[in-house]
Structure formats: C-alpha cells, structure tokens
Amino acid sequence: MKNKISLFLMLMLVAGASHAELKIGFVNVAKVLEKAPQAAKAKSRLETEFSPRDKALNSQMKEIKSMEERMSRDSSVMGDEERRRLEKDILDKKRDAARAQQEFQEDFNMRRNEELGNLQKRIVEAVRALAKEESFDLLLTDGVIYANDEIDVTARVQQKLETLAQ
C-alpha cells in the first residue's frame, strides 16, 4: 500500500512539475480530533449518557466492600449459617458487579466508537471542502514524517470544522 502511494506521489510530482505547480497540503488529523468542537460535545454526550450507570457501579462496589468489612469484623461472632449466607451474598454481588462492569465497558466502547466514527466523517467533509475551496491538488494526512508549516493546513481544517459545528 505504501509503495503504491509513494509511486503515485512521485508520478504526480513528475507530471505536475512538467505542466504546472502542484498545490499540496498536510492535515494533522490527530490534532484536529483533539481540538474539534464536535469532540468536546461528543465527550459531554457520553458522560451524560453513562454517568448514571457509572454511579450505580460505584455504589455496588461500596456495598460489596461494606459487606466484606462486616464479614471480617463480625465473622467470629456469627453463626455458621449466617456466615455462609453472607459469603454467598458477597460472591453473588461480586459476580453481578463484574457482569455489570463488563456490559458497561462494552456499551461505552461501542458508543465511543460510534461518536468517533461520526467525528471522523465530519473531519473528512471539512478536509474535502477545504481542498475544493482552496484548489488543492493533494492533501495528505497520516504517514507523513515531515510537513513544512507552509503546507500544513491543519488550523484551516479546524476552522472549517468550527463553522460546520454551528
């Protein structure tokens, strides 16, 4: 894949040099993702959506810890039946909490990936719009080792994203 891209770039440069100046730019997508207003909104949506479940999980963990403390504190004065029942309750609650934690993590990851996918689509839209508006022949993103500040259009893509957010 990289060889095809390198070959394509060399052909473009050779062809372009013989016909006209190429307008090439670079976009640091990671930087755009970090500073996009849509990213902050997505993070806020995720926090709002998942904070009740997170609080419930924390509450479950506190309850388990409290039961374990009671077990260690009072086990010597408990009857065998009461101690076994408490041990079983602790084990059941730990199992339920582990299951709930795993479901929470899976749901959160799925929603985060959904939000990230939507944001990436918006970034691609912004990059394409900027490329058309400013007549770029080529805009590069990942895999660039060095880009001169003159061809780095990351800030302009961020501005474009801000206008798309409004």
Protein backbone atom coordinates (compact mmCIF):
# COMPACT_ATOMS: atom_id res chain seq x y z
CA MET A 1 0.00 0.00 0.00
CA LYS A 2 2.79 2.43 0.94
CA ASN A 3 4.66 1.59 -2.25
CA LYS A 4 1.58 2.42 -4.32
CA ILE A 5 1.18 5.74 -2.53
CA SER A 6 4.87 6.58 -2.95
CA LEU A 7 4.73 5.69 -6.63
CA PHE A 8 1.56 7.75 -7.04
CA LEU A 9 3.18 10.76 -5.35
CA MET A 10 6.30 10.53 -7.49
CA LEU A 11 4.21 10.30 -10.66
CA MET A 12 2.11 13.26 -9.54
CA LEU A 13 5.19 15.32 -8.78
CA VAL A 14 6.86 14.50 -12.09
CA ALA A 15 3.67 15.11 -14.07
CA GLY A 16 2.90 18.25 -12.14
CA ALA A 17 6.38 19.70 -12.45
CA SER A 18 6.21 19.44 -16.21
CA HIS A 19 2.74 21.03 -16.51
CA ALA A 20 2.08 23.35 -13.59
CA GLU A 21 2.68 23.97 -9.91
CA LEU A 22 1.02 21.45 -7.62
CA LYS A 23 -0.75 22.71 -4.55
CA ILE A 24 -0.07 20.19 -1.79
CA GLY A 25 -1.10 20.38 1.84
CA PHE A 26 -0.89 18.36 5.02
CA VAL A 27 -3.53 17.82 7.72
CA ASN A 28 -2.64 16.56 11.21
CA VAL A 29 -5.83 14.59 11.86
CA ALA A 30 -4.88 13.74 15.46
CA LYS A 31 -4.57 17.43 16.26
CA VAL A 32 -7.88 18.18 14.55
CA LEU A 33 -9.58 15.38 16.51
CA GLU A 34 -8.17 16.73 19.76
CA LYS A 35 -9.33 20.31 19.21
CA ALA A 36 -12.57 19.82 17.28
CA PRO A 37 -15.59 21.39 18.99
CA GLN A 38 -17.55 18.30 17.99
CA ALA A 39 -15.16 16.17 20.08
CA ALA A 40 -15.97 18.12 23.24
CA LYS A 41 -19.69 17.78 22.52
CA ALA A 42 -19.32 14.03 21.93
CA LYS A 43 -17.43 13.65 25.20
CA SER A 44 -20.14 15.55 27.03
CA ARG A 45 -22.87 13.37 25.47
CA LEU A 46 -21.02 10.22 26.53
CA GLU A 47 -20.56 11.49 30.09
CA THR A 48 -24.23 12.40 30.34
CA GLU A 49 -25.33 9.06 28.92
CA PHE A 50 -23.05 6.86 31.02
CA SER A 51 -22.66 8.70 34.33
CA PRO A 52 -25.80 7.16 35.93
CA ARG A 53 -24.55 3.64 35.20
CA ASP A 54 -21.08 4.55 36.44
CA LYS A 55 -22.54 5.85 39.71
CA ALA A 56 -24.59 2.67 40.09
CA LEU A 57 -21.45 0.55 39.60
CA ASN A 58 -19.59 2.59 42.20
CA SER A 59 -22.48 2.14 44.59
CA GLN A 60 -22.40 -1.64 44.04
CA MET A 61 -18.67 -1.72 44.78
CA LYS A 62 -19.17 0.25 48.01
CA GLU A 63 -21.89 -2.15 49.10
CA ILE A 64 -19.62 -5.14 48.45
CA LYS A 65 -16.78 -3.52 50.35
CA SER A 66 -19.10 -2.82 53.26
CA MET A 67 -20.28 -6.44 53.30
CA GLU A 68 -16.67 -7.68 53.22
CA GLU A 69 -15.77 -5.40 56.12
CA ARG A 70 -18.73 -6.72 58.08
CA MET A 71 -17.64 -10.28 57.30
CA SER A 72 -14.08 -9.71 58.52
CA ARG A 73 -15.24 -7.77 61.58
CA ASP A 74 -18.12 -9.99 62.68
CA SER A 75 -17.30 -13.47 61.34
CA SER A 76 -16.07 -14.70 64.71
CA VAL A 77 -19.40 -13.93 66.39
CA MET A 78 -21.63 -15.12 63.52
CA GLY A 79 -23.25 -18.49 63.35
CA ASP A 80 -22.17 -20.87 60.56
CA GLU A 81 -25.40 -20.41 58.64
CA GLU A 82 -25.26 -16.61 58.82
CA ARG A 83 -21.58 -16.56 57.77
CA ARG A 84 -22.23 -18.89 54.79
CA ARG A 85 -25.22 -16.76 53.72
CA LEU A 86 -23.11 -13.58 53.88
CA GLU A 87 -20.26 -15.22 51.95
CA LYS A 88 -22.74 -16.34 49.29
CA ASP A 89 -24.28 -12.86 49.12
CA ILE A 90 -20.83 -11.29 48.71
CA LEU A 91 -19.91 -13.76 45.98
CA ASP A 92 -23.22 -13.19 44.15
CA LYS A 93 -22.85 -9.42 44.35
CA LYS A 94 -19.25 -9.59 43.09
CA ARG A 95 -20.38 -11.72 40.16
CA ASP A 96 -23.22 -9.30 39.35
CA ALA A 97 -20.90 -6.31 39.64
CA ALA A 98 -18.32 -7.90 37.35
CA ARG A 99 -21.01 -8.65 34.77
CA ALA A 100 -22.41 -5.11 35.00
CA GLN A 101 -18.90 -3.64 34.69
CA GLN A 102 -18.21 -5.69 31.57
CA GLU A 103 -21.54 -4.68 29.98
CA PHE A 104 -20.88 -1.06 30.87
CA GLN A 105 -17.43 -1.17 29.26
CA GLU A 106 -18.74 -2.83 26.10
CA ASP A 107 -21.61 -0.36 25.75
CA PHE A 108 -19.33 2.60 26.43
CA ASN A 109 -16.75 1.44 23.88
CA MET A 110 -19.44 0.88 21.27
CA ARG A 111 -20.90 4.38 21.77
CA ARG A 112 -17.46 5.99 21.88
CA ASN A 113 -16.57 4.31 18.57
CA GLU A 114 -19.87 5.49 17.13
CA GLU A 115 -19.16 9.07 18.18
CA LEU A 116 -15.58 8.83 16.88
CA GLY A 117 -16.80 7.50 13.53
CA ASN A 118 -19.23 10.41 13.18
CA LEU A 119 -16.49 12.88 14.05
CA GLN A 120 -14.09 11.32 11.55
CA LYS A 121 -16.75 11.67 8.84
CA ARG A 122 -17.11 15.36 9.70
CA ILE A 123 -13.35 15.82 9.52
CA VAL A 124 -13.22 14.18 6.09
CA GLU A 125 -16.04 16.51 4.96
CA ALA A 126 -14.11 19.52 6.26
CA VAL A 127 -10.87 18.41 4.57
CA ARG A 128 -12.64 17.85 1.24
CA ALA A 129 -14.45 21.18 1.47
CA LEU A 130 -11.19 22.99 2.21
CA ALA A 131 -9.42 21.18 -0.63
CA LYS A 132 -12.10 22.25 -3.10
CA GLU A 133 -12.37 25.83 -1.81
CA GLU A 134 -8.62 26.41 -1.89
CA SER A 135 -7.95 24.34 -5.05
CA PHE A 136 -5.56 21.82 -3.53
CA ASP A 137 -4.25 19.13 -5.85
CA LEU A 138 -3.29 16.87 -2.95
CA LEU A 139 -3.93 16.86 0.81
CA LEU A 140 -2.02 14.30 2.87
CA THR A 141 -2.79 13.04 6.37
CA ASP A 142 -1.30 10.01 8.09
CA GLY A 143 2.08 8.59 7.24
CA VAL A 144 3.78 11.96 6.72
CA ILE A 145 7.10 12.17 8.51
CA TYR A 146 7.65 15.88 7.90
CA ALA A 147 5.47 18.68 6.60
CA ASN A 148 6.62 22.25 6.13
CA ASP A 149 4.50 24.78 8.03
CA GLU A 150 3.63 26.41 4.71
CA ILE A 151 1.72 23.34 3.56
CA ASP A 152 0.24 22.42 6.97
CA VAL A 153 -3.46 23.30 6.68
CA THR A 154 -4.49 21.72 10.00
CA ALA A 155 -5.55 25.05 11.51
CA ARG A 156 -7.72 25.84 8.49
CA VAL A 157 -9.39 22.42 8.75
CA GLN A 158 -10.09 23.14 12.42
CA GLN A 159 -11.67 26.46 11.44
CA LYS A 160 -13.76 24.68 8.82
CA LEU A 161 -14.94 22.18 11.45
CA GLU A 162 -15.92 25.04 13.74
CA THR A 163 -18.07 26.56 11.01
CA LEU A 164 -19.65 23.16 10.34
CA ALA A 165 -20.44 22.82 14.06
CA GLN A 166 -22.54 25.96 14.06
